[in-house]
Amino acid sequence: MRAKFNWSPFRCVLHLHRALAGVHKGMQLIFRLSLLVCLGFCLNAKAEGKWVSLFNGKNLEGWTVKIKGQPLGKNFKDTFRVEDGLMKVGYAGYGDFARQFGHIFYKDSFSHYRIRVEHRFVGKQIKGGPGWALRNSGIMLHCQDPKTMGVNQDFPVSIEVQLLGGAATGKRTTANLCTPGTNVVMKDKLVTRHCFSSKSKTYRGEGWVTVEVEVRGGEVIRHLIDGKEVLSYQKPQLDPRDADAKKLIKDGKLLLEGGYISLQSESHPIEFRKVELLVLEK
């Protein structure tokens, strides 16, 4: 007697279709869940990777001025002011510069970040400004708290990304390094010289120049122009030989892992169009 089977070709195809449909639905669910997870990661990365402007283009909100010989917060002769959407550094009413170096500090401290500053030198240096300060300013990183600065202190203990404009002739690099009250490591050696030149070209005239700096706490700092590295160094640290730095050393710790950001007034007018910051993961 022949065995009877109810599995006709049609029913076999139907069972196979249902099985595949179940697998298809499972795959769809996995795909949708994966998409949601990826979307969450992308949105989080976008939030973490957003450039923010520290200067609002309207006023000096969020910034505090410290000028040598003046108490913290006194903006002597409106050295720092906002006009036409620019932060301008000028010396109208000074008469003579008389070594009245100034800095304007942002309200928050940072450790791991990228900072991008668009600036240009304009006009002439004020009478009494040092010769080395011609077309000279700086972005000061890992600064001491401005509240700890002495009334007659020239510069905050910090790492200075030196901004220089070129003269009519001759080579003059920018995005250099100067070290008020600090030292750094280069090629695995502690270096104690005050200033170091970058590999940048010379920028003359009154055109806008953008300098970017990548800061990785107490590990490494890189200076960049047009996306290209022009200088790098490691382990920024307090200089125990410096009188101002000595006051900041606690329990023998020298390494600088973070601090405030400030911009300079050094006797030559300068304008800042953008001051932007991107926080990096530690």
C-alpha atoms as a PDB file:
ATOM      1  CA  MET A   1       0.000   0.000   0.000  1.00  0.00           C
ATOM      2  CA  ARG A   2       1.422   3.444  -0.993  1.00  0.00           C
ATOM      3  CA  ALA A   3       1.896   5.858   1.884  1.00  0.00           C
ATOM      4  CA  LYS A   4      -0.150   9.030   1.672  1.00  0.00           C
ATOM      5  CA  PHE A   5       1.507  12.389   2.142  1.00  0.00           C
ATOM      6  CA  ASN A   6      -0.332  15.643   2.476  1.00  0.00           C
ATOM      7  CA  TRP A   7       2.712  17.671   1.350  1.00  0.00           C
ATOM      8  CA  SER A   8       1.891  18.754  -2.107  1.00  0.00           C
ATOM      9  CA  PRO A   9       4.428  20.953  -3.930  1.00  0.00           C
ATOM     10  CA  PHE A  10       2.177  23.902  -3.170  1.00  0.00           C
ATOM     11  CA  ARG A  11       2.104  23.188   0.564  1.00  0.00           C
ATOM     12  CA  CYS A  12       5.901  22.735   0.637  1.00  0.00           C
ATOM     13  CA  VAL A  13       6.373  26.129  -0.933  1.00  0.00           C
ATOM     14  CA  LEU A  14       3.912  27.641   1.565  1.00  0.00           C
ATOM     15  CA  HIS A  15       5.743  26.179   4.565  1.00  0.00           C
ATOM     16  CA  LEU A  16       9.068  27.387   3.170  1.00  0.00           C
ATOM     17  CA  HIS A  17       7.663  30.861   2.583  1.00  0.00           C
ATOM     18  CA  ARG A  18       6.378  31.051   6.152  1.00  0.00           C
ATOM     19  CA  ALA A  19       9.734  29.907   7.529  1.00  0.00           C
ATOM     20  CA  LEU A  20      11.587  32.457   5.468  1.00  0.00           C
ATOM     21  CA  ALA A  21       9.113  35.151   6.480  1.00  0.00           C
ATOM     22  CA  GLY A  22       9.881  34.410  10.112  1.00  0.00           C
ATOM     23  CA  VAL A  23      13.595  34.685   9.445  1.00  0.00           C
ATOM     24  CA  HIS A  24      12.981  37.865   7.436  1.00  0.00           C
ATOM     25  CA  LYS A  25      11.025  39.425  10.320  1.00  0.00           C
ATOM     26  CA  GLY A  26      13.784  38.504  12.743  1.00  0.00           C
ATOM     27  CA  MET A  27      16.398  40.044  10.482  1.00  0.00           C
ATOM     28  CA  GLN A  28      14.272  43.157  10.113  1.00  0.00           C
ATOM     29  CA  LEU A  29      14.050  43.482  13.893  1.00  0.00           C
ATOM     30  CA  ILE A  30      17.823  43.061  14.278  1.00  0.00           C
ATOM     31  CA  PHE A  31      18.406  45.607  11.522  1.00  0.00           C
ATOM     32  CA  ARG A  32      16.053  48.135  13.119  1.00  0.00           C
ATOM     33  CA  LEU A  33      17.646  47.719  16.543  1.00  0.00           C
ATOM     34  CA  SER A  34      21.133  48.079  15.027  1.00  0.00           C
ATOM     35  CA  LEU A  35      20.012  51.198  13.201  1.00  0.00           C
ATOM     36  CA  LEU A  36      18.702  52.744  16.413  1.00  0.00           C
ATOM     37  CA  VAL A  37      21.950  51.960  18.243  1.00  0.00           C
ATOM     38  CA  CYS A  38      24.046  53.412  15.413  1.00  0.00           C
ATOM     39  CA  LEU A  39      21.839  56.489  15.266  1.00  0.00           C
ATOM     40  CA  GLY A  40      22.273  56.985  19.007  1.00  0.00           C
ATOM     41  CA  PHE A  41      26.041  56.763  18.691  1.00  0.00           C
ATOM     42  CA  CYS A  42      26.045  59.178  15.758  1.00  0.00           C
ATOM     43  CA  LEU A  43      23.913  61.731  17.598  1.00  0.00           C
ATOM     44  CA  ASN A  44      26.125  61.448  20.677  1.00  0.00           C
ATOM     45  CA  ALA A  45      29.286  61.869  18.590  1.00  0.00           C
ATOM     46  CA  LYS A  46      27.749  64.879  16.903  1.00  0.00           C
ATOM     47  CA  ALA A  47      26.963  66.477  20.270  1.00  0.00           C
ATOM     48  CA  GLU A  48      30.475  65.801  21.583  1.00  0.00           C
ATOM     49  CA  GLY A  49      32.066  67.000  18.359  1.00  0.00           C
ATOM     50  CA  LYS A  50      30.378  70.369  18.107  1.00  0.00           C
ATOM     51  CA  TRP A  51      32.496  73.517  17.836  1.00  0.00           C
ATOM     52  CA  VAL A  52      31.250  76.258  20.158  1.00  0.00           C
ATOM     53  CA  SER A  53      32.062  79.955  20.023  1.00  0.00           C
ATOM     54  CA  LEU A  54      33.647  81.392  23.178  1.00  0.00           C
ATOM     55  CA  PHE A  55      33.215  84.913  21.785  1.00  0.00           C
ATOM     56  CA  ASN A  56      29.615  85.862  20.950  1.00  0.00           C
ATOM     57  CA  GLY A  57      30.441  88.792  18.649  1.00  0.00           C
ATOM     58  CA  LYS A  58      28.272  91.162  20.702  1.00  0.00           C
ATOM     59  CA  ASN A  59      30.032  91.806  24.006  1.00  0.00           C
ATOM     60  CA  LEU A  60      32.629  90.420  26.415  1.00  0.00           C
ATOM     61  CA  GLU A  61      30.189  88.181  28.268  1.00  0.00           C
ATOM     62  CA  GLY A  62      32.039  85.215  29.752  1.00  0.00           C
ATOM     63  CA  TRP A  63      35.403  86.983  29.711  1.00  0.00           C
ATOM     64  CA  THR A  64      37.377  88.734  32.483  1.00  0.00           C
ATOM     65  CA  VAL A  65      40.176  91.264  31.945  1.00  0.00           C
ATOM     66  CA  LYS A  66      43.445  91.346  33.903  1.00  0.00           C
ATOM     67  CA  ILE A  67      45.891  94.151  33.077  1.00  0.00           C
ATOM     68  CA  LYS A  68      49.175  94.642  34.879  1.00  0.00           C
ATOM     69  CA  GLY A  69      48.864  97.239  37.648  1.00  0.00           C
ATOM     70  CA  GLN A  70      45.055  96.938  37.711  1.00  0.00           C
ATOM     71  CA  PRO A  71      42.742  94.777  39.800  1.00  0.00           C
ATOM     72  CA  LEU A  72      41.138  91.745  38.184  1.00  0.00           C
ATOM     73  CA  GLY A  73      38.097  92.768  36.164  1.00  0.00           C
ATOM     74  CA  LYS A  74      39.121  96.360  35.441  1.00  0.00           C
ATOM     75  CA  ASN A  75      39.260  96.899  31.682  1.00  0.00           C
ATOM     76  CA  PHE A  76      41.741  99.786  31.733  1.00  0.00           C
ATOM     77  CA  LYS A  77      40.981 102.364  28.991  1.00  0.00           C
ATOM     78  CA  ASP A  78      38.705  99.800  27.323  1.00  0.00           C
ATOM     79  CA  THR A  79      41.736  97.885  26.115  1.00  0.00           C
ATOM     80  CA  PHE A  80      39.427  95.008  25.163  1.00  0.00           C
ATOM     81  CA  ARG A  81      36.188  96.005  23.438  1.00  0.00           C
ATOM     82  CA  VAL A  82      33.696  94.745  20.864  1.00  0.00           C
ATOM     83  CA  GLU A  83      32.980  96.657  17.656  1.00  0.00           C
ATOM     84  CA  ASP A  84      31.479  95.459  14.365  1.00  0.00           C
ATOM     85  CA  GLY A  85      31.313  91.890  15.649  1.00  0.00           C
ATOM     86  CA  LEU A  86      35.040  91.816  16.455  1.00  0.00           C
ATOM     87  CA  MET A  87      36.924  91.621  19.736  1.00  0.00           C
ATOM     88  CA  LYS A  88      39.376  94.494  19.389  1.00  0.00           C
ATOM     89  CA  VAL A  89      42.506  95.138  21.427  1.00  0.00           C
ATOM     90  CA  GLY A  90      43.514  98.815  21.337  1.00  0.00           C
ATOM     91  CA  TYR A  91      45.328 101.460  23.356  1.00  0.00           C
ATOM     92  CA  ALA A  92      43.448 104.733  22.848  1.00  0.00           C
ATOM     93  CA  GLY A  93      44.030 106.884  25.922  1.00  0.00           C
ATOM     94  CA  TYR A  94      47.150 105.022  27.084  1.00  0.00           C
ATOM     95  CA  GLY A  95      49.698 107.670  26.106  1.00  0.00           C
ATOM     96  CA  ASP A  96      52.599 105.294  26.745  1.00  0.00           C
ATOM     97  CA  PHE A  97      52.353 101.522  27.032  1.00  0.00           C
ATOM     98  CA  ALA A  98      54.600 101.395  30.102  1.00  0.00           C
ATOM     99  CA  ARG A  99      54.665  97.562  30.191  1.00  0.00           C
ATOM    100  CA  GLN A 100      50.967  97.349  30.992  1.00  0.00           C
ATOM    101  CA  PHE A 101      50.591  93.864  29.564  1.00  0.00           C
ATOM    102  CA  GLY A 102      47.033  92.600  29.557  1.00  0.00           C
ATOM    103  CA  HIS A 103      45.048  89.386  29.197  1.00  0.00           C
ATOM    104  CA  ILE A 104      41.377  88.560  28.831  1.00  0.00           C
ATOM    105  CA  PHE A 105      40.381  85.198  30.369  1.00  0.00           C
ATOM    106  CA  TYR A 106      37.498  82.936  29.423  1.00  0.00           C
ATOM    107  CA  LYS A 107      35.367  81.919  32.398  1.00  0.00           C
ATOM    108  CA  ASP A 108      35.852  78.129  32.201  1.00  0.00           C
ATOM    109  CA  SER A 109      38.929  75.932  32.385  1.00  0.00           C
ATOM    110  CA  PHE A 110      39.610  73.063  29.971  1.00  0.00           C
ATOM    111  CA  SER A 111      41.977  70.111  29.614  1.00  0.00           C
ATOM    112  CA  HIS A 112      41.336  68.228  26.345  1.00  0.00           C
ATOM    113  CA  TYR A 113      40.197  70.351  23.437  1.00  0.00           C
ATOM    114  CA  ARG A 114      40.905  72.047  20.123  1.00  0.00           C
ATOM    115  CA  ILE A 115      40.849  75.824  19.965  1.00  0.00           C
ATOM    116  CA  ARG A 116      40.588  77.842  16.750  1.00  0.00           C
ATOM    117  CA  VAL A 117      41.368  81.569  16.702  1.00  0.00           C
ATOM    118  CA  GLU A 118      40.946  83.873  13.711  1.00  0.00           C
ATOM    119  CA  HIS A 119      42.890  87.125  14.128  1.00  0.00           C
ATOM    120  CA  ARG A 120      44.705  89.966  12.379  1.00  0.00           C
ATOM    121  CA  PHE A 121      47.135  92.704  13.379  1.00  0.00           C
ATOM    122  CA  VAL A 122      46.113  96.252  12.456  1.00  0.00           C
ATOM    123  CA  GLY A 123      47.522  99.771  12.728  1.00  0.00           C
ATOM    124  CA  LYS A 124      50.683 100.721  14.548  1.00  0.00           C
ATOM    125  CA  GLN A 125      52.249  99.702  17.834  1.00  0.00           C
ATOM    126  CA  ILE A 126      51.648 102.095  20.700  1.00  0.00           C
ATOM    127  CA  LYS A 127      54.500 104.281  21.950  1.00  0.00           C
ATOM    128  CA  GLY A 128      56.556 102.570  24.624  1.00  0.00           C
ATOM    129  CA  GLY A 129      55.829  99.035  23.453  1.00  0.00           C
ATOM    130  CA  PRO A 130      58.866  96.708  23.488  1.00  0.00           C
ATOM    131  CA  GLY A 131      60.522  96.098  20.133  1.00  0.00           C
ATOM    132  CA  TRP A 132      59.820  92.351  20.365  1.00  0.00           C
ATOM    133  CA  ALA A 133      56.101  93.074  20.869  1.00  0.00           C
ATOM    134  CA  LEU A 134      55.642  94.579  17.384  1.00  0.00           C
ATOM    135  CA  ARG A 135      52.775  92.655  15.731  1.00  0.00           C
ATOM    136  CA  ASN A 136      52.868  90.257  18.656  1.00  0.00           C
ATOM    137  CA  SER A 137      50.077  88.675  20.700  1.00  0.00           C
ATOM    138  CA  GLY A 138      49.225  85.226  22.007  1.00  0.00           C
ATOM    139  CA  ILE A 139      46.744  82.522  22.930  1.00  0.00           C
ATOM    140  CA  MET A 140      47.565  81.519  26.493  1.00  0.00           C
ATOM    141  CA  LEU A 141      46.679  77.904  27.386  1.00  0.00           C
ATOM    142  CA  HIS A 142      46.709  75.975  30.673  1.00  0.00           C
ATOM    143  CA  CYS A 143      46.690  79.383  32.412  1.00  0.00           C
ATOM    144  CA  GLN A 144      46.673  79.765  36.147  1.00  0.00           C
ATOM    145  CA  ASP A 145      43.377  80.981  37.620  1.00  0.00           C
ATOM    146  CA  PRO A 146      43.391  84.769  37.032  1.00  0.00           C
ATOM    147  CA  LYS A 147      42.326  85.208  40.657  1.00  0.00           C
ATOM    148  CA  THR A 148      45.768  83.947  41.691  1.00  0.00           C
ATOM    149  CA  MET A 149      47.697  86.507  39.621  1.00  0.00           C
ATOM    150  CA  GLY A 150      49.587  89.297  41.359  1.00  0.00           C
ATOM    151  CA  VAL A 151      48.487  92.867  40.633  1.00  0.00           C
ATOM    152  CA  ASN A 152      51.827  93.638  38.967  1.00  0.00           C
ATOM    153  CA  GLN A 153      52.357  90.252  37.325  1.00  0.00           C
ATOM    154  CA  ASP A 154      53.287  90.605  33.624  1.00  0.00           C
ATOM    155  CA  PHE A 155      51.916  87.311  32.297  1.00  0.00           C
ATOM    156  CA  PRO A 156      49.911  84.393  33.673  1.00  0.00           C
ATOM    157  CA  VAL A 157      51.844  81.187  34.227  1.00  0.00           C
ATOM    158  CA  SER A 158      50.818  79.361  31.069  1.00  0.00           C
ATOM    159  CA  ILE A 159      51.701  77.868  27.714  1.00  0.00           C
ATOM    160  CA  GLU A 160      51.691  80.638  25.102  1.00  0.00           C
ATOM    161  CA  VAL A 161      50.866  80.016  21.457  1.00  0.00           C
ATOM    162  CA  GLN A 162      52.631  83.107  20.177  1.00  0.00           C
ATOM    163  CA  LEU A 163      50.925  84.997  17.346  1.00  0.00           C
ATOM    164  CA  LEU A 164      53.281  87.051  15.198  1.00  0.00           C
ATOM    165  CA  GLY A 165      52.765  89.173  12.112  1.00  0.00           C
ATOM    166  CA  GLY A 166      55.568  89.564   9.600  1.00  0.00           C
ATOM    167  CA  ALA A 167      57.407  92.815   8.897  1.00  0.00           C
ATOM    168  CA  ALA A 168      57.782  94.212   5.379  1.00  0.00           C
ATOM    169  CA  THR A 169      60.754  91.922   4.759  1.00  0.00           C
ATOM    170  CA  GLY A 170      62.372  88.928   6.399  1.00  0.00           C
ATOM    171  CA  LYS A 171      61.037  85.652   7.784  1.00  0.00           C
ATOM    172  CA  ARG A 172      58.918  85.621  10.944  1.00  0.00           C
ATOM    173  CA  THR A 173      57.001  82.507  11.874  1.00  0.00           C
ATOM    174  CA  THR A 174      53.749  82.431  13.844  1.00  0.00           C
ATOM    175  CA  ALA A 175      52.049  79.863  16.104  1.00  0.00           C
ATOM    176  CA  ASN A 176      55.336  79.703  18.002  1.00  0.00           C
ATOM    177  CA  LEU A 177      55.728  78.599  21.617  1.00  0.00           C
ATOM    178  CA  CYS A 178      56.673  80.745  24.620  1.00  0.00           C
ATOM    179  CA  THR A 179      56.688  79.485  28.190  1.00  0.00           C
ATOM    180  CA  PRO A 180      55.964  82.053  30.942  1.00  0.00           C
ATOM    181  CA  GLY A 181      56.612  80.143  34.160  1.00  0.00           C
ATOM    182  CA  THR A 182      56.568  76.787  32.367  1.00  0.00           C
ATOM    183  CA  ASN A 183      58.671  74.177  30.571  1.00  0.00           C
ATOM    184  CA  VAL A 184      57.870  71.451  28.032  1.00  0.00           C
ATOM    185  CA  VAL A 185      59.358  68.242  26.690  1.00  0.00           C
ATOM    186  CA  MET A 186      60.579  67.965  23.090  1.00  0.00           C
ATOM    187  CA  LYS A 187      62.055  64.774  21.622  1.00  0.00           C
ATOM    188  CA  ASP A 188      62.008  63.161  25.086  1.00  0.00           C
ATOM    189  CA  LYS A 189      64.086  65.960  26.640  1.00  0.00           C
ATOM    190  CA  LEU A 190      62.990  68.686  29.048  1.00  0.00           C
ATOM    191  CA  VAL A 191      63.642  72.039  27.385  1.00  0.00           C
ATOM    192  CA  THR A 192      63.871  75.227  29.417  1.00  0.00           C
ATOM    193  CA  ARG A 193      64.384  77.855  26.713  1.00  0.00           C
ATOM    194  CA  HIS A 194      61.675  80.521  26.730  1.00  0.00           C
ATOM    195  CA  CYS A 195      60.571  80.601  23.063  1.00  0.00           C
ATOM    196  CA  PHE A 196      60.575  78.174  20.129  1.00  0.00           C
ATOM    197  CA  SER A 197      59.814  78.895  16.482  1.00  0.00           C
ATOM    198  CA  SER A 198      57.290  76.921  14.458  1.00  0.00           C
ATOM    199  CA  LYS A 199      57.563  75.790  10.828  1.00  0.00           C
ATOM    200  CA  SER A 200      54.937  78.247   9.577  1.00  0.00           C
ATOM    201  CA  LYS A 201      55.305  80.695   6.732  1.00  0.00           C
ATOM    202  CA  THR A 202      55.382  84.469   7.331  1.00  0.00           C
ATOM    203  CA  TYR A 203      52.044  86.327   7.368  1.00  0.00           C
ATOM    204  CA  ARG A 204      52.377  89.996   6.443  1.00  0.00           C
ATOM    205  CA  GLY A 205      49.845  92.809   6.209  1.00  0.00           C
ATOM    206  CA  GLU A 206      46.401  92.905   7.789  1.00  0.00           C
ATOM    207  CA  GLY A 207      44.902  89.701   6.396  1.00  0.00           C
ATOM    208  CA  TRP A 208      43.044  87.275   8.635  1.00  0.00           C
ATOM    209  CA  VAL A 209      45.039  84.300   9.934  1.00  0.00           C
ATOM    210  CA  THR A 210      43.544  81.204  11.593  1.00  0.00           C
ATOM    211  CA  VAL A 211      45.595  79.297  14.167  1.00  0.00           C
ATOM    212  CA  GLU A 212      44.345  76.050  15.667  1.00  0.00           C
ATOM    213  CA  VAL A 213      45.746  74.210  18.673  1.00  0.00           C
ATOM    214  CA  GLU A 214      45.056  70.659  19.825  1.00  0.00           C
ATOM    215  CA  VAL A 215      45.503  70.240  23.566  1.00  0.00           C
ATOM    216  CA  ARG A 216      45.587  66.806  25.200  1.00  0.00           C
ATOM    217  CA  GLY A 217      45.849  67.664  28.885  1.00  0.00           C
ATOM    218  CA  GLY A 218      49.355  67.023  30.185  1.00  0.00           C
ATOM    219  CA  GLU A 219      50.223  64.710  27.274  1.00  0.00           C
ATOM    220  CA  VAL A 220      50.752  66.604  24.037  1.00  0.00           C
ATOM    221  CA  ILE A 221      49.994  70.005  22.447  1.00  0.00           C
ATOM    222  CA  ARG A 222      50.008  70.552  18.664  1.00  0.00           C
ATOM    223  CA  HIS A 223      49.948  73.890  16.784  1.00  0.00           C
ATOM    224  CA  LEU A 224      48.273  73.834  13.369  1.00  0.00           C
ATOM    225  CA  ILE A 225      47.758  76.272  10.491  1.00  0.00           C
ATOM    226  CA  ASP A 226      45.582  75.318   7.511  1.00  0.00           C
ATOM    227  CA  GLY A 227      45.286  71.836   9.006  1.00  0.00           C
ATOM    228  CA  LYS A 228      49.046  71.251   8.997  1.00  0.00           C
ATOM    229  CA  GLU A 229      51.100  70.778  12.157  1.00  0.00           C
ATOM    230  CA  VAL A 230      53.765  73.467  12.560  1.00  0.00           C
ATOM    231  CA  LEU A 231      54.921  72.645  16.111  1.00  0.00           C
ATOM    232  CA  SER A 232      54.320  70.021  18.809  1.00  0.00           C
ATOM    233  CA  TYR A 233      55.613  69.182  22.286  1.00  0.00           C
ATOM    234  CA  GLN A 234      54.728  67.108  25.332  1.00  0.00           C
ATOM    235  CA  LYS A 235      54.315  67.269  29.106  1.00  0.00           C
ATOM    236  CA  PRO A 236      53.689  70.985  29.752  1.00  0.00           C
ATOM    237  CA  GLN A 237      54.764  71.688  33.314  1.00  0.00           C
ATOM    238  CA  LEU A 238      55.443  74.350  35.901  1.00  0.00           C
ATOM    239  CA  ASP A 239      58.977  75.726  36.092  1.00  0.00           C
ATOM    240  CA  PRO A 240      60.151  75.479  39.731  1.00  0.00           C
ATOM    241  CA  ARG A 241      62.742  78.210  39.032  1.00  0.00           C
ATOM    242  CA  ASP A 242      60.037  80.792  38.300  1.00  0.00           C
ATOM    243  CA  ALA A 243      58.741  82.887  41.219  1.00  0.00           C
ATOM    244  CA  ASP A 244      55.131  82.961  40.021  1.00  0.00           C
ATOM    245  CA  ALA A 245      55.084  79.260  39.145  1.00  0.00           C
ATOM    246  CA  LYS A 246      56.535  78.296  42.537  1.00  0.00           C
ATOM    247  CA  LYS A 247      53.377  79.587  44.211  1.00  0.00           C
ATOM    248  CA  LEU A 248      51.260  77.170  42.149  1.00  0.00           C
ATOM    249  CA  ILE A 249      53.216  73.982  42.882  1.00  0.00           C
ATOM    250  CA  LYS A 250      51.327  71.644  45.207  1.00  0.00           C
ATOM    251  CA  ASP A 251      52.803  68.453  46.682  1.00  0.00           C
ATOM    252  CA  GLY A 252      55.673  68.678  44.217  1.00  0.00           C
ATOM    253  CA  LYS A 253      53.390  68.202  41.187  1.00  0.00           C
ATOM    254  CA  LEU A 254      54.664  70.081  38.114  1.00  0.00           C
ATOM    255  CA  LEU A 255      52.632  68.601  35.241  1.00  0.00           C
ATOM    256  CA  LEU A 256      49.952  70.907  33.814  1.00  0.00           C
ATOM    257  CA  GLU A 257      46.867  68.910  32.831  1.00  0.00           C
ATOM    258  CA  GLY A 258      44.435  71.773  32.275  1.00  0.00           C
ATOM    259  CA  GLY A 259      43.742  75.420  32.940  1.00  0.00           C
ATOM    260  CA  TYR A 260      42.194  78.626  31.680  1.00  0.00           C
ATOM    261  CA  ILE A 261      42.442  80.241  28.241  1.00  0.00           C
ATOM    262  CA  SER A 262      43.326  83.908  27.680  1.00  0.00           C
ATOM    263  CA  LEU A 263      44.171  86.295  24.838  1.00  0.00           C
ATOM    264  CA  GLN A 264      46.865  88.964  25.094  1.00  0.00           C
ATOM    265  CA  SER A 265      47.307  92.706  24.797  1.00  0.00           C
ATOM    266  CA  GLU A 266      51.025  93.330  24.241  1.00  0.00           C
ATOM    267  CA  SER A 267      51.116  96.871  22.761  1.00  0.00           C
ATOM    268  CA  HIS A 268      50.178  96.214  19.107  1.00  0.00           C
ATOM    269  CA  PRO A 269      46.484  96.482  18.109  1.00  0.00           C
ATOM    270  CA  ILE A 270      44.942  93.158  17.166  1.00  0.00           C
ATOM    271  CA  GLU A 271      41.425  92.011  16.276  1.00  0.00           C
ATOM    272  CA  PHE A 272      39.824  88.618  16.909  1.00  0.00           C
ATOM    273  CA  ARG A 273      36.978  87.538  14.642  1.00  0.00           C
ATOM    274  CA  LYS A 274      36.465  84.003  15.939  1.00  0.00           C
ATOM    275  CA  VAL A 275      37.419  82.145  19.107  1.00  0.00           C
ATOM    276  CA  GLU A 276      36.001  78.625  18.871  1.00  0.00           C
ATOM    277  CA  LEU A 277      36.489  75.498  20.951  1.00  0.00           C
ATOM    278  CA  LEU A 278      35.856  71.795  20.476  1.00  0.00           C
ATOM    279  CA  VAL A 279      35.947  69.614  23.608  1.00  0.00           C
ATOM    280  CA  LEU A 280      37.756  66.287  23.091  1.00  0.00           C
ATOM    281  CA  GLU A 281      37.327  63.002  24.922  1.00  0.00           C
ATOM    282  CA  LYS A 282      39.924  62.301  27.592  1.00  0.00           C
END
